[in-house]
Amino acid sequence: MLKHTKSLLTFSLLSTLLVGCGGGGGSGTAQTPDGVRINLTASDKGLVTASTDTGRLVGHNYTHAFYGVWVDDSKQVRELRFQGTETPRHEIPTSGSATYYGNAVRLDSVTNEVLTDATSRINVNFGRKTVDGEITMPGLRRDITLHEGRLNGASYSGQASVLMNSEGRYDGKLYGPNAAETAGIVRFGNNPDLDTAFGGKRY
């Protein structure tokens, strides 16, 4: 059941429902552009959605990170976001590598609905301090390649591309103890319809 006030929205969803930077523990608190605050730390984990005053927030909520998109009721205004409890620099491994598997979220220009079933794979080489990966989109939508970028502490960034468009850039962070999770956003300045929030858990 959703409990909604102007100052605080805590959403609790059935586990079967498909489904920047927060403070405190867990995924923190998100404030949407229409002024609603959402306690992500107290919310269910997995794919979640919550109605706000003039729109809805949809995304993947992990133990330490959240990534998703807020879309207004007219579906003309959107805000991609990622947030969580950043991994302290002293907990970032200095050797070895890890792969993070998860999902990606964006407002789909084909259906004009929030797309939640894209998948993401993020590779981190802690020794070389590099990051790369791929976001695999469903159907005939173009997959996004995250080209090799740099890891600096818990933050990373690099160039991104899709078929016939190499103007993208991604930014992300590592979250939780020992860099257990990651989340980020890829943006295309020349085509915002491709902008996507992504994340994953370490394996």
N, C-alpha and C. Protein backbone atom coordinates (compact mmCIF):
# COMPACT_ATOMS: atom_id res chain seq x y z
N MET A 1 0.84 -1.19 0.00
CA MET A 1 0.00 0.00 0.00
C MET A 1 0.88 1.24 0.00
N LEU A 2 0.53 2.22 -0.86
CA LEU A 2 1.31 3.44 -0.95
C LEU A 2 0.81 4.45 0.06
N LYS A 3 1.73 5.03 0.81
CA LYS A 3 1.39 6.11 1.72
C LYS A 3 2.06 7.36 1.22
N HIS A 4 1.28 8.39 0.92
CA HIS A 4 1.78 9.55 0.19
C HIS A 4 1.42 10.83 0.92
N THR A 5 2.44 11.62 1.23
CA THR A 5 2.23 12.98 1.68
C THR A 5 3.10 13.86 0.82
N LYS A 6 2.87 15.18 0.88
CA LYS A 6 3.69 16.10 0.08
C LYS A 6 5.15 16.02 0.49
N SER A 7 5.42 15.77 1.76
CA SER A 7 6.80 15.79 2.23
C SER A 7 7.46 14.42 2.20
N LEU A 8 6.69 13.34 2.23
CA LEU A 8 7.31 12.02 2.30
C LEU A 8 6.42 10.99 1.64
N LEU A 9 7.02 10.19 0.78
CA LEU A 9 6.33 9.10 0.12
C LEU A 9 7.15 7.84 0.33
N THR A 10 6.60 6.89 1.07
CA THR A 10 7.26 5.61 1.26
C THR A 10 6.47 4.58 0.49
N PHE A 11 7.13 3.90 -0.45
CA PHE A 11 6.36 2.95 -1.23
C PHE A 11 6.77 1.53 -0.91
N SER A 12 5.73 0.70 -0.74
CA SER A 12 5.91 -0.70 -0.44
C SER A 12 5.10 -1.49 -1.45
N LEU A 13 5.75 -2.29 -2.27
CA LEU A 13 5.09 -2.96 -3.37
C LEU A 13 5.15 -4.47 -3.20
N LEU A 14 4.18 -5.14 -3.80
CA LEU A 14 4.23 -6.58 -3.85
C LEU A 14 5.46 -7.01 -4.65
N SER A 15 6.10 -8.07 -4.23
CA SER A 15 7.33 -8.49 -4.90
C SER A 15 7.07 -8.91 -6.34
N THR A 16 5.83 -9.18 -6.69
CA THR A 16 5.53 -9.61 -8.06
C THR A 16 5.32 -8.43 -8.98
N LEU A 17 5.26 -7.20 -8.46
CA LEU A 17 5.03 -6.03 -9.31
C LEU A 17 6.28 -5.70 -10.10
N LEU A 18 6.12 -5.63 -11.44
CA LEU A 18 7.26 -5.21 -12.24
C LEU A 18 7.61 -3.79 -11.91
N VAL A 19 8.31 -4.10 -11.92
CA VAL A 19 8.82 -2.81 -11.86
C VAL A 19 9.65 -2.79 -13.11
N GLY A 20 23.01 11.78 -8.94
CA GLY A 20 22.55 12.53 -7.84
C GLY A 20 23.03 11.91 -6.56
N CYS A 21 22.36 11.87 -5.39
CA CYS A 21 22.99 11.12 -4.33
C CYS A 21 22.14 11.18 -3.08
N GLY A 22 21.80 10.03 -2.50
CA GLY A 22 20.97 10.04 -1.32
C GLY A 22 21.80 10.06 -0.06
N GLY A 23 21.19 10.50 1.03
CA GLY A 23 21.90 10.53 2.28
C GLY A 23 21.57 9.33 3.13
N GLY A 24 22.25 9.21 4.26
CA GLY A 24 21.96 8.14 5.18
C GLY A 24 22.42 6.80 4.65
N GLY A 25 21.76 5.72 5.10
CA GLY A 25 22.12 4.40 4.65
C GLY A 25 21.30 3.97 3.45
N GLY A 26 21.63 2.81 2.92
CA GLY A 26 20.87 2.26 1.82
C GLY A 26 20.85 3.18 0.62
N SER A 27 19.69 3.26 0.00
CA SER A 27 19.55 4.08 -1.20
C SER A 27 19.18 5.52 -0.89
N GLY A 28 18.93 5.83 0.37
CA GLY A 28 18.67 7.21 0.75
C GLY A 28 17.27 7.67 0.40
N THR A 29 17.11 8.99 0.30
CA THR A 29 15.83 9.61 0.00
C THR A 29 15.92 10.32 -1.34
N ALA A 30 14.91 10.10 -2.19
CA ALA A 30 14.85 10.77 -3.49
C ALA A 30 13.77 11.83 -3.45
N GLN A 31 14.07 13.02 -3.95
CA GLN A 31 13.05 14.05 -4.10
C GLN A 31 12.80 14.26 -5.59
N THR A 32 11.55 14.07 -6.01
CA THR A 32 11.20 14.19 -7.41
C THR A 32 10.94 15.65 -7.78
N PRO A 33 10.96 16.01 -9.07
CA PRO A 33 10.77 17.40 -9.47
C PRO A 33 9.45 18.03 -9.04
N ASP A 34 8.43 17.20 -8.72
CA ASP A 34 7.17 17.77 -8.24
C ASP A 34 7.12 17.90 -6.73
N GLY A 35 8.26 17.73 -6.06
CA GLY A 35 8.35 18.03 -4.64
C GLY A 35 8.08 16.88 -3.70
N VAL A 36 7.88 15.67 -4.21
CA VAL A 36 7.61 14.51 -3.37
C VAL A 36 8.92 13.85 -2.96
N ARG A 37 9.03 13.49 -1.69
CA ARG A 37 10.21 12.79 -1.20
C ARG A 37 9.87 11.31 -1.01
N ILE A 38 10.79 10.46 -1.46
CA ILE A 38 10.59 9.01 -1.42
C ILE A 38 11.70 8.37 -0.61
N ASN A 39 11.33 7.64 0.43
CA ASN A 39 12.30 6.96 1.28
C ASN A 39 12.67 5.63 0.63
N LEU A 40 13.71 5.62 -0.16
CA LEU A 40 14.13 4.41 -0.86
C LEU A 40 14.70 3.37 0.08
N THR A 41 15.32 3.81 1.17
CA THR A 41 15.91 2.86 2.11
C THR A 41 14.86 1.95 2.73
N ALA A 42 13.67 2.51 2.98
CA ALA A 42 12.60 1.74 3.61
C ALA A 42 11.70 1.03 2.60
N SER A 43 11.98 1.20 1.32
CA SER A 43 11.14 0.62 0.27
C SER A 43 11.58 -0.79 -0.08
N ASP A 44 10.70 -1.52 -0.76
CA ASP A 44 11.04 -2.87 -1.19
C ASP A 44 12.22 -2.84 -2.16
N LYS A 45 12.88 -3.98 -2.29
CA LYS A 45 14.00 -4.11 -3.21
C LYS A 45 13.51 -4.72 -4.52
N GLY A 46 14.24 -4.43 -5.57
CA GLY A 46 13.85 -4.93 -6.89
C GLY A 46 13.27 -3.81 -7.74
N LEU A 47 12.45 -4.18 -8.72
CA LEU A 47 11.83 -3.21 -9.61
C LEU A 47 10.64 -2.59 -8.91
N VAL A 48 10.67 -1.27 -8.72
CA VAL A 48 9.64 -0.59 -7.95
C VAL A 48 9.09 0.60 -8.73
N THR A 49 7.88 1.01 -8.36
CA THR A 49 7.28 2.19 -8.96
C THR A 49 6.45 2.91 -7.92
N ALA A 50 6.35 4.22 -8.02
CA ALA A 50 5.56 5.00 -7.08
C ALA A 50 4.97 6.20 -7.79
N SER A 51 3.68 6.44 -7.55
CA SER A 51 3.04 7.64 -8.08
C SER A 51 3.43 8.83 -7.23
N THR A 52 3.67 9.96 -7.89
CA THR A 52 3.95 11.21 -7.19
C THR A 52 2.85 12.21 -7.56
N ASP A 53 2.99 13.46 -7.12
CA ASP A 53 1.91 14.42 -7.33
C ASP A 53 1.56 14.61 -8.80
N THR A 54 2.57 14.66 -9.67
CA THR A 54 2.30 14.91 -11.09
C THR A 54 3.01 13.91 -12.00
N GLY A 55 3.37 12.75 -11.47
CA GLY A 55 4.05 11.77 -12.30
C GLY A 55 4.31 10.49 -11.55
N ARG A 56 5.36 9.78 -11.94
CA ARG A 56 5.72 8.55 -11.24
C ARG A 56 7.21 8.29 -11.37
N LEU A 57 7.76 7.63 -10.35
CA LEU A 57 9.16 7.23 -10.30
C LEU A 57 9.22 5.72 -10.50
N VAL A 58 10.04 5.28 -11.44
CA VAL A 58 10.19 3.85 -11.74
C VAL A 58 11.68 3.53 -11.75
N GLY A 59 12.06 2.46 -11.09
CA GLY A 59 13.47 2.10 -11.11
C GLY A 59 13.75 0.83 -10.35
N HIS A 60 15.03 0.51 -10.28
CA HIS A 60 15.50 -0.68 -9.58
C HIS A 60 16.14 -0.25 -8.27
N ASN A 61 15.63 -0.79 -7.17
CA ASN A 61 16.08 -0.43 -5.85
C ASN A 61 16.87 -1.58 -5.24
N TYR A 62 18.15 -1.35 -4.99
CA TYR A 62 19.02 -2.35 -4.40
C TYR A 62 19.21 -2.04 -2.91
N THR A 63 20.03 -2.83 -2.27
CA THR A 63 20.32 -2.61 -0.85
C THR A 63 21.07 -1.30 -0.64
N HIS A 64 21.98 -0.97 -1.56
CA HIS A 64 22.84 0.20 -1.39
C HIS A 64 22.68 1.25 -2.49
N ALA A 65 21.92 0.96 -3.54
CA ALA A 65 21.83 1.88 -4.68
C ALA A 65 20.45 1.84 -5.31
N PHE A 66 20.14 2.93 -6.01
CA PHE A 66 18.90 3.02 -6.79
C PHE A 66 19.22 3.69 -8.12
N TYR A 67 18.56 3.24 -9.19
CA TYR A 67 18.67 3.92 -10.48
C TYR A 67 17.31 3.82 -11.18
N GLY A 68 16.90 4.92 -11.81
CA GLY A 68 15.59 4.91 -12.44
C GLY A 68 15.27 6.24 -13.09
N VAL A 69 13.99 6.45 -13.36
CA VAL A 69 13.54 7.65 -14.06
C VAL A 69 12.22 8.14 -13.47
N TRP A 70 12.11 9.46 -13.31
CA TRP A 70 10.83 10.08 -12.97
C TRP A 70 10.27 10.69 -14.24
N VAL A 71 8.98 10.42 -14.51
CA VAL A 71 8.32 10.94 -15.70
C VAL A 71 7.03 11.62 -15.27
N ASP A 72 6.77 12.84 -15.79
CA ASP A 72 5.53 13.51 -15.42
C ASP A 72 4.36 12.90 -16.18
N ASP A 73 3.13 13.25 -15.76
CA ASP A 73 1.94 12.62 -16.32
C ASP A 73 1.78 12.86 -17.82
N SER A 74 2.32 13.95 -18.32
CA SER A 74 2.24 14.23 -19.76
C SER A 74 3.32 13.50 -20.54
N LYS A 75 4.27 12.89 -19.82
CA LYS A 75 5.41 12.17 -20.40
C LYS A 75 6.28 13.08 -21.26
N GLN A 76 6.26 14.37 -20.94
CA GLN A 76 7.10 15.34 -21.63
C GLN A 76 8.33 15.72 -20.82
N VAL A 77 8.26 15.52 -19.51
CA VAL A 77 9.36 15.89 -18.62
C VAL A 77 9.85 14.63 -17.94
N ARG A 78 11.15 14.46 -17.90
CA ARG A 78 11.70 13.28 -17.25
C ARG A 78 12.95 13.68 -16.47
N GLU A 79 13.30 12.86 -15.50
CA GLU A 79 14.54 13.05 -14.75
C GLU A 79 15.13 11.69 -14.46
N LEU A 80 16.28 11.41 -15.07
CA LEU A 80 17.01 10.20 -14.75
C LEU A 80 17.80 10.42 -13.47
N ARG A 81 17.95 9.38 -12.67
CA ARG A 81 18.71 9.53 -11.44
C ARG A 81 19.37 8.22 -11.05
N PHE A 82 20.50 8.37 -10.32
CA PHE A 82 21.11 7.24 -9.63
C PHE A 82 21.66 7.77 -8.32
N GLN A 83 21.61 6.95 -7.29
CA GLN A 83 22.03 7.40 -5.97
C GLN A 83 22.23 6.21 -5.06
N GLY A 84 22.81 6.47 -3.89
CA GLY A 84 22.99 5.41 -2.92
C GLY A 84 24.06 5.74 -1.91
N THR A 85 24.56 4.73 -1.24
CA THR A 85 25.63 4.86 -0.25
C THR A 85 26.96 4.57 -0.93
N GLU A 86 27.70 5.62 -1.24
CA GLU A 86 28.94 5.49 -2.00
C GLU A 86 29.97 4.68 -1.22
N THR A 87 30.67 3.80 -1.92
CA THR A 87 31.73 3.00 -1.30
C THR A 87 32.89 3.90 -0.90
N PRO A 88 33.33 3.84 0.36
CA PRO A 88 34.49 4.65 0.77
C PRO A 88 35.72 4.28 -0.05
N ARG A 89 36.57 5.25 -0.29
CA ARG A 89 37.75 5.02 -1.12
C ARG A 89 38.61 3.88 -0.57
N HIS A 90 38.73 3.78 0.76
CA HIS A 90 39.59 2.74 1.32
C HIS A 90 39.02 1.34 1.16
N GLU A 91 37.74 1.23 0.76
CA GLU A 91 37.14 -0.08 0.53
C GLU A 91 37.14 -0.48 -0.94
N ILE A 92 37.62 0.40 -1.83
CA ILE A 92 37.70 0.06 -3.24
C ILE A 92 38.88 -0.89 -3.44
N PRO A 93 38.66 -2.06 -4.01
CA PRO A 93 39.79 -2.98 -4.23
C PRO A 93 40.87 -2.33 -5.09
N THR A 94 42.09 -2.73 -4.89
CA THR A 94 43.21 -2.19 -5.67
C THR A 94 43.76 -3.20 -6.66
N SER A 95 43.17 -4.37 -6.69
CA SER A 95 43.59 -5.39 -7.66
C SER A 95 42.38 -6.26 -8.01
N GLY A 96 42.52 -7.04 -9.08
CA GLY A 96 41.43 -7.91 -9.49
C GLY A 96 40.39 -7.17 -10.31
N SER A 97 39.32 -7.87 -10.62
CA SER A 97 38.25 -7.29 -11.42
C SER A 97 36.91 -7.85 -10.98
N ALA A 98 35.84 -7.20 -11.42
CA ALA A 98 34.49 -7.65 -11.08
C ALA A 98 33.56 -7.30 -12.23
N THR A 99 32.50 -8.08 -12.36
CA THR A 99 31.45 -7.79 -13.33
C THR A 99 30.14 -7.57 -12.58
N TYR A 100 29.45 -6.53 -12.94
CA TYR A 100 28.17 -6.16 -12.33
C TYR A 100 27.06 -6.42 -13.34
N TYR A 101 26.07 -7.22 -12.95
CA TYR A 101 24.94 -7.51 -13.82
C TYR A 101 23.68 -6.88 -13.24
N GLY A 102 22.90 -6.26 -14.11
CA GLY A 102 21.67 -5.63 -13.64
C GLY A 102 20.77 -5.26 -14.80
N ASN A 103 20.11 -4.12 -14.67
CA ASN A 103 19.12 -3.69 -15.65
C ASN A 103 19.35 -2.24 -16.04
N ALA A 104 18.47 -1.74 -16.90
CA ALA A 104 18.53 -0.35 -17.32
C ALA A 104 17.11 0.16 -17.48
N VAL A 105 16.93 1.48 -17.32
CA VAL A 105 15.60 2.10 -17.31
C VAL A 105 15.65 3.38 -18.13
N ARG A 106 14.61 3.61 -18.94
CA ARG A 106 14.46 4.89 -19.62
C ARG A 106 13.03 5.04 -20.12
N LEU A 107 12.65 6.26 -20.47
CA LEU A 107 11.37 6.50 -21.12
C LEU A 107 11.52 6.10 -22.58
N ASP A 108 10.76 5.11 -23.01
CA ASP A 108 10.93 4.54 -24.34
C ASP A 108 10.21 5.38 -25.39
N SER A 109 10.94 5.85 -26.38
CA SER A 109 10.35 6.68 -27.42
C SER A 109 9.45 5.88 -28.36
N VAL A 110 9.55 4.56 -28.34
CA VAL A 110 8.71 3.72 -29.21
C VAL A 110 7.32 3.57 -28.62
N THR A 111 7.23 3.24 -27.33
CA THR A 111 5.94 2.99 -26.68
C THR A 111 5.46 4.17 -25.83
N ASN A 112 6.34 5.12 -25.57
CA ASN A 112 6.07 6.24 -24.66
C ASN A 112 5.76 5.77 -23.25
N GLU A 113 6.28 4.63 -22.90
CA GLU A 113 6.18 4.08 -21.55
C GLU A 113 7.59 3.88 -21.01
N VAL A 114 7.69 3.69 -19.69
CA VAL A 114 8.99 3.46 -19.08
C VAL A 114 9.46 2.04 -19.38
N LEU A 115 10.61 1.93 -20.00
CA LEU A 115 11.21 0.64 -20.34
C LEU A 115 12.07 0.18 -19.17
N THR A 116 11.82 -1.03 -18.70
CA THR A 116 12.53 -1.51 -17.51
C THR A 116 13.25 -2.84 -17.73
N ASP A 117 13.10 -3.46 -18.91
CA ASP A 117 13.63 -4.81 -19.08
C ASP A 117 14.91 -4.86 -19.90
N ALA A 118 15.56 -3.73 -20.11
CA ALA A 118 16.91 -3.77 -20.68
C ALA A 118 17.86 -4.35 -19.62
N THR A 119 18.97 -4.92 -20.07
CA THR A 119 19.95 -5.49 -19.14
C THR A 119 21.28 -4.76 -19.27
N SER A 120 22.03 -4.74 -18.18
CA SER A 120 23.33 -4.08 -18.18
C SER A 120 24.41 -5.01 -17.66
N ARG A 121 25.60 -4.83 -18.21
CA ARG A 121 26.79 -5.55 -17.75
C ARG A 121 27.92 -4.53 -17.65
N ILE A 122 28.44 -4.34 -16.45
CA ILE A 122 29.50 -3.37 -16.21
C ILE A 122 30.74 -4.13 -15.73
N ASN A 123 31.86 -3.93 -16.42
CA ASN A 123 33.11 -4.59 -16.06
C ASN A 123 34.05 -3.57 -15.41
N VAL A 124 34.57 -3.90 -14.25
CA VAL A 124 35.50 -3.02 -13.54
C VAL A 124 36.81 -3.76 -13.31
N ASN A 125 37.90 -3.16 -13.78
CA ASN A 125 39.23 -3.68 -13.49
C ASN A 125 39.85 -2.77 -12.43
N PHE A 126 39.89 -3.27 -11.21
CA PHE A 126 40.35 -2.44 -10.09
C PHE A 126 41.85 -2.15 -10.17
N GLY A 127 42.62 -3.09 -10.69
CA GLY A 127 44.05 -2.88 -10.79
C GLY A 127 44.39 -1.81 -11.82
N ARG A 128 43.75 -1.86 -12.98
CA ARG A 128 44.00 -0.89 -14.04
C ARG A 128 43.16 0.38 -13.88
N LYS A 129 42.17 0.32 -12.99
CA LYS A 129 41.24 1.43 -12.75
C LYS A 129 40.51 1.81 -14.04
N THR A 130 39.91 0.79 -14.67
CA THR A 130 39.14 1.01 -15.88
C THR A 130 37.74 0.39 -15.74
N VAL A 131 36.82 0.91 -16.56
CA VAL A 131 35.43 0.45 -16.57
C VAL A 131 34.98 0.37 -18.03
N ASP A 132 34.19 -0.65 -18.35
CA ASP A 132 33.52 -0.70 -19.65
C ASP A 132 32.27 -1.55 -19.48
N GLY A 133 31.49 -1.67 -20.53
CA GLY A 133 30.30 -2.49 -20.41
C GLY A 133 29.34 -2.33 -21.57
N GLU A 134 28.14 -2.86 -21.38
CA GLU A 134 27.12 -2.82 -22.43
C GLU A 134 25.74 -2.82 -21.81
N ILE A 135 24.84 -2.08 -22.43
CA ILE A 135 23.42 -2.12 -22.08
C ILE A 135 22.70 -2.74 -23.26
N THR A 136 22.06 -3.88 -23.03
CA THR A 136 21.37 -4.61 -24.09
C THR A 136 19.88 -4.28 -24.03
N MET A 137 19.39 -3.69 -25.13
CA MET A 137 18.01 -3.23 -25.18
C MET A 137 17.12 -4.31 -25.79
N PRO A 138 15.84 -4.36 -25.40
CA PRO A 138 14.93 -5.36 -25.98
C PRO A 138 14.48 -4.97 -27.38
N GLY A 139 14.02 -5.95 -28.12
CA GLY A 139 13.45 -5.69 -29.44
C GLY A 139 14.47 -5.13 -30.41
N LEU A 140 14.01 -4.16 -31.23
CA LEU A 140 14.85 -3.58 -32.27
C LEU A 140 15.56 -2.31 -31.81
N ARG A 141 15.49 -1.99 -30.52
CA ARG A 141 16.18 -0.80 -30.02
C ARG A 141 17.68 -1.02 -30.01
N ARG A 142 18.42 0.07 -30.18
CA ARG A 142 19.87 -0.03 -30.31
C ARG A 142 20.55 -0.27 -28.96
N ASP A 143 21.42 -1.27 -28.90
CA ASP A 143 22.22 -1.52 -27.70
C ASP A 143 23.20 -0.38 -27.49
N ILE A 144 23.56 -0.14 -26.23
CA ILE A 144 24.49 0.93 -25.88
C ILE A 144 25.82 0.31 -25.46
N THR A 145 26.90 0.75 -26.09
CA THR A 145 28.24 0.31 -25.71
C THR A 145 28.86 1.36 -24.79
N LEU A 146 29.34 0.91 -23.64
CA LEU A 146 30.08 1.78 -22.72
C LEU A 146 31.56 1.51 -22.94
N HIS A 147 32.23 2.42 -23.63
CA HIS A 147 33.62 2.23 -23.97
C HIS A 147 34.50 2.40 -22.73
N GLU A 148 35.72 1.92 -22.81
CA GLU A 148 36.60 1.93 -21.64
C GLU A 148 36.76 3.34 -21.07
N GLY A 149 36.44 3.46 -19.79
CA GLY A 149 36.57 4.72 -19.08
C GLY A 149 37.42 4.55 -17.84
N ARG A 150 37.55 5.62 -17.07
CA ARG A 150 38.43 5.62 -15.92
C ARG A 150 37.64 5.52 -14.62
N LEU A 151 38.21 4.75 -13.68
CA LEU A 151 37.70 4.65 -12.31
C LEU A 151 38.55 5.52 -11.41
N ASN A 152 37.92 6.43 -10.70
CA ASN A 152 38.62 7.34 -9.78
C ASN A 152 37.93 7.27 -8.44
N GLY A 153 38.51 6.52 -7.50
CA GLY A 153 37.81 6.28 -6.24
C GLY A 153 36.58 5.43 -6.54
N ALA A 154 35.41 5.90 -6.09
CA ALA A 154 34.17 5.18 -6.36
C ALA A 154 33.49 5.64 -7.64
N SER A 155 34.00 6.68 -8.28
CA SER A 155 33.36 7.27 -9.46
C SER A 155 34.03 6.81 -10.75
N TYR A 156 33.25 6.74 -11.81
CA TYR A 156 33.81 6.40 -13.12
C TYR A 156 33.05 7.12 -14.22
N SER A 157 33.67 7.24 -15.38
CA SER A 157 33.05 7.90 -16.52
C SER A 157 33.74 7.48 -17.80
N GLY A 158 33.04 7.67 -18.91
CA GLY A 158 33.61 7.32 -20.20
C GLY A 158 32.66 7.66 -21.33
N GLN A 159 33.05 7.31 -22.54
CA GLN A 159 32.25 7.57 -23.72
C GLN A 159 31.31 6.40 -23.98
N ALA A 160 30.16 6.71 -24.60
CA ALA A 160 29.17 5.68 -24.94
C ALA A 160 28.73 5.86 -26.38
N SER A 161 28.25 4.78 -26.98
CA SER A 161 27.79 4.86 -28.36
C SER A 161 26.67 3.85 -28.61
N VAL A 162 25.87 4.15 -29.62
CA VAL A 162 24.93 3.21 -30.20
C VAL A 162 25.20 3.19 -31.70
N LEU A 163 24.55 2.31 -32.41
CA LEU A 163 24.70 2.26 -33.85
C LEU A 163 24.38 3.63 -34.45
N MET A 164 25.32 4.22 -35.17
CA MET A 164 25.16 5.49 -35.88
C MET A 164 25.14 6.71 -34.95
N ASN A 165 25.59 6.55 -33.72
CA ASN A 165 25.66 7.69 -32.80
C ASN A 165 26.74 7.41 -31.75
N SER A 166 27.83 8.15 -31.82
CA SER A 166 28.94 7.96 -30.88
C SER A 166 29.10 9.14 -29.93
N GLU A 167 28.02 9.89 -29.71
CA GLU A 167 28.09 11.13 -28.93
C GLU A 167 27.67 10.96 -27.47
N GLY A 168 27.62 9.73 -26.98
CA GLY A 168 27.16 9.51 -25.62
C GLY A 168 28.28 9.58 -24.59
N ARG A 169 27.89 9.78 -23.34
CA ARG A 169 28.81 9.79 -22.21
C ARG A 169 28.11 9.14 -21.02
N TYR A 170 28.86 8.31 -20.28
CA TYR A 170 28.28 7.70 -19.09
C TYR A 170 29.04 8.13 -17.85
N ASP A 171 28.32 8.17 -16.72
CA ASP A 171 28.89 8.47 -15.41
C ASP A 171 28.25 7.53 -14.41
N GLY A 172 29.02 7.03 -13.47
CA GLY A 172 28.47 6.14 -12.47
C GLY A 172 29.33 6.10 -11.22
N LYS A 173 28.85 5.33 -10.25
CA LYS A 173 29.56 5.17 -8.99
C LYS A 173 29.43 3.75 -8.49
N LEU A 174 30.33 3.39 -7.59
CA LEU A 174 30.27 2.12 -6.87
C LEU A 174 29.65 2.38 -5.50
N TYR A 175 28.79 1.46 -5.09
CA TYR A 175 28.03 1.66 -3.85
C TYR A 175 28.13 0.44 -2.94
N GLY A 176 28.00 0.71 -1.64
CA GLY A 176 27.94 -0.35 -0.66
C GLY A 176 29.30 -0.85 -0.21
N PRO A 177 29.33 -1.72 0.81
CA PRO A 177 30.59 -2.26 1.31
C PRO A 177 31.34 -3.02 0.22
N ASN A 178 32.63 -2.75 0.11
CA ASN A 178 33.48 -3.46 -0.84
C ASN A 178 32.97 -3.38 -2.28
N ALA A 179 32.37 -2.23 -2.62
CA ALA A 179 31.91 -1.98 -3.99
C ALA A 179 30.94 -3.06 -4.46
N ALA A 180 29.92 -3.35 -3.65
CA ALA A 180 28.99 -4.44 -3.93
C ALA A 180 28.04 -4.14 -5.08
N GLU A 181 27.74 -2.86 -5.33
CA GLU A 181 26.75 -2.49 -6.35
C GLU A 181 27.25 -1.29 -7.15
N THR A 182 26.62 -1.06 -8.27
CA THR A 182 26.94 0.11 -9.07
C THR A 182 25.67 0.68 -9.69
N ALA A 183 25.73 1.95 -10.05
CA ALA A 183 24.61 2.59 -10.76
C ALA A 183 25.16 3.80 -11.49
N GLY A 184 24.47 4.20 -12.56
CA GLY A 184 24.93 5.35 -13.33
C GLY A 184 23.91 5.77 -14.36
N ILE A 185 24.31 6.73 -15.20
CA ILE A 185 23.47 7.27 -16.26
C ILE A 185 24.32 7.42 -17.51
N VAL A 186 23.73 7.10 -18.66
CA VAL A 186 24.36 7.40 -19.94
C VAL A 186 23.48 8.44 -20.63
N ARG A 187 24.12 9.49 -21.16
CA ARG A 187 23.39 10.58 -21.81
C ARG A 187 23.94 10.80 -23.22
N PHE A 188 23.02 11.11 -24.13
CA PHE A 188 23.37 11.48 -25.49
C PHE A 188 22.88 12.91 -25.72
N GLY A 189 23.82 13.86 -25.76
CA GLY A 189 23.44 15.25 -25.89
C GLY A 189 22.70 15.56 -27.16
N ASN A 190 22.93 14.77 -28.20
CA ASN A 190 22.27 15.01 -29.48
C ASN A 190 21.00 14.20 -29.67
N ASN A 191 20.65 13.36 -28.67
CA ASN A 191 19.41 12.57 -28.75
C ASN A 191 19.01 12.10 -27.36
N PRO A 192 18.32 12.94 -26.59
CA PRO A 192 17.94 12.58 -25.22
C PRO A 192 17.04 11.35 -25.12
N ASP A 193 16.40 10.94 -26.23
CA ASP A 193 15.58 9.74 -26.19
C ASP A 193 16.40 8.51 -25.85
N LEU A 194 17.72 8.59 -26.03
CA LEU A 194 18.60 7.46 -25.73
C LEU A 194 19.11 7.48 -24.29
N ASP A 195 18.86 8.55 -23.54
CA ASP A 195 19.36 8.66 -22.18
C ASP A 195 18.81 7.52 -21.32
N THR A 196 19.67 6.88 -20.54
CA THR A 196 19.31 5.66 -19.83
C THR A 196 20.01 5.61 -18.48
N ALA A 197 19.28 5.17 -17.45
CA ALA A 197 19.87 4.89 -16.14
C ALA A 197 20.15 3.38 -16.07
N PHE A 198 21.28 3.01 -15.47
CA PHE A 198 21.67 1.61 -15.42
C PHE A 198 22.28 1.28 -14.08
N GLY A 199 22.40 -0.01 -13.80
CA GLY A 199 23.07 -0.43 -12.57
C GLY A 199 23.23 -1.93 -12.53
N GLY A 200 23.84 -2.41 -11.45
CA GLY A 200 24.03 -3.84 -11.32
C GLY A 200 24.63 -4.22 -9.98
N LYS A 201 24.64 -5.52 -9.74
CA LYS A 201 25.23 -6.09 -8.53
C LYS A 201 26.48 -6.88 -8.91
N ARG A 202 27.45 -6.88 -8.00
CA ARG A 202 28.75 -7.49 -8.27
C ARG A 202 28.69 -9.00 -8.20
N TYR A 203 29.32 -9.63 -9.19
CA TYR A 203 29.43 -11.09 -9.23
C TYR A 203 30.85 -11.51 -9.50
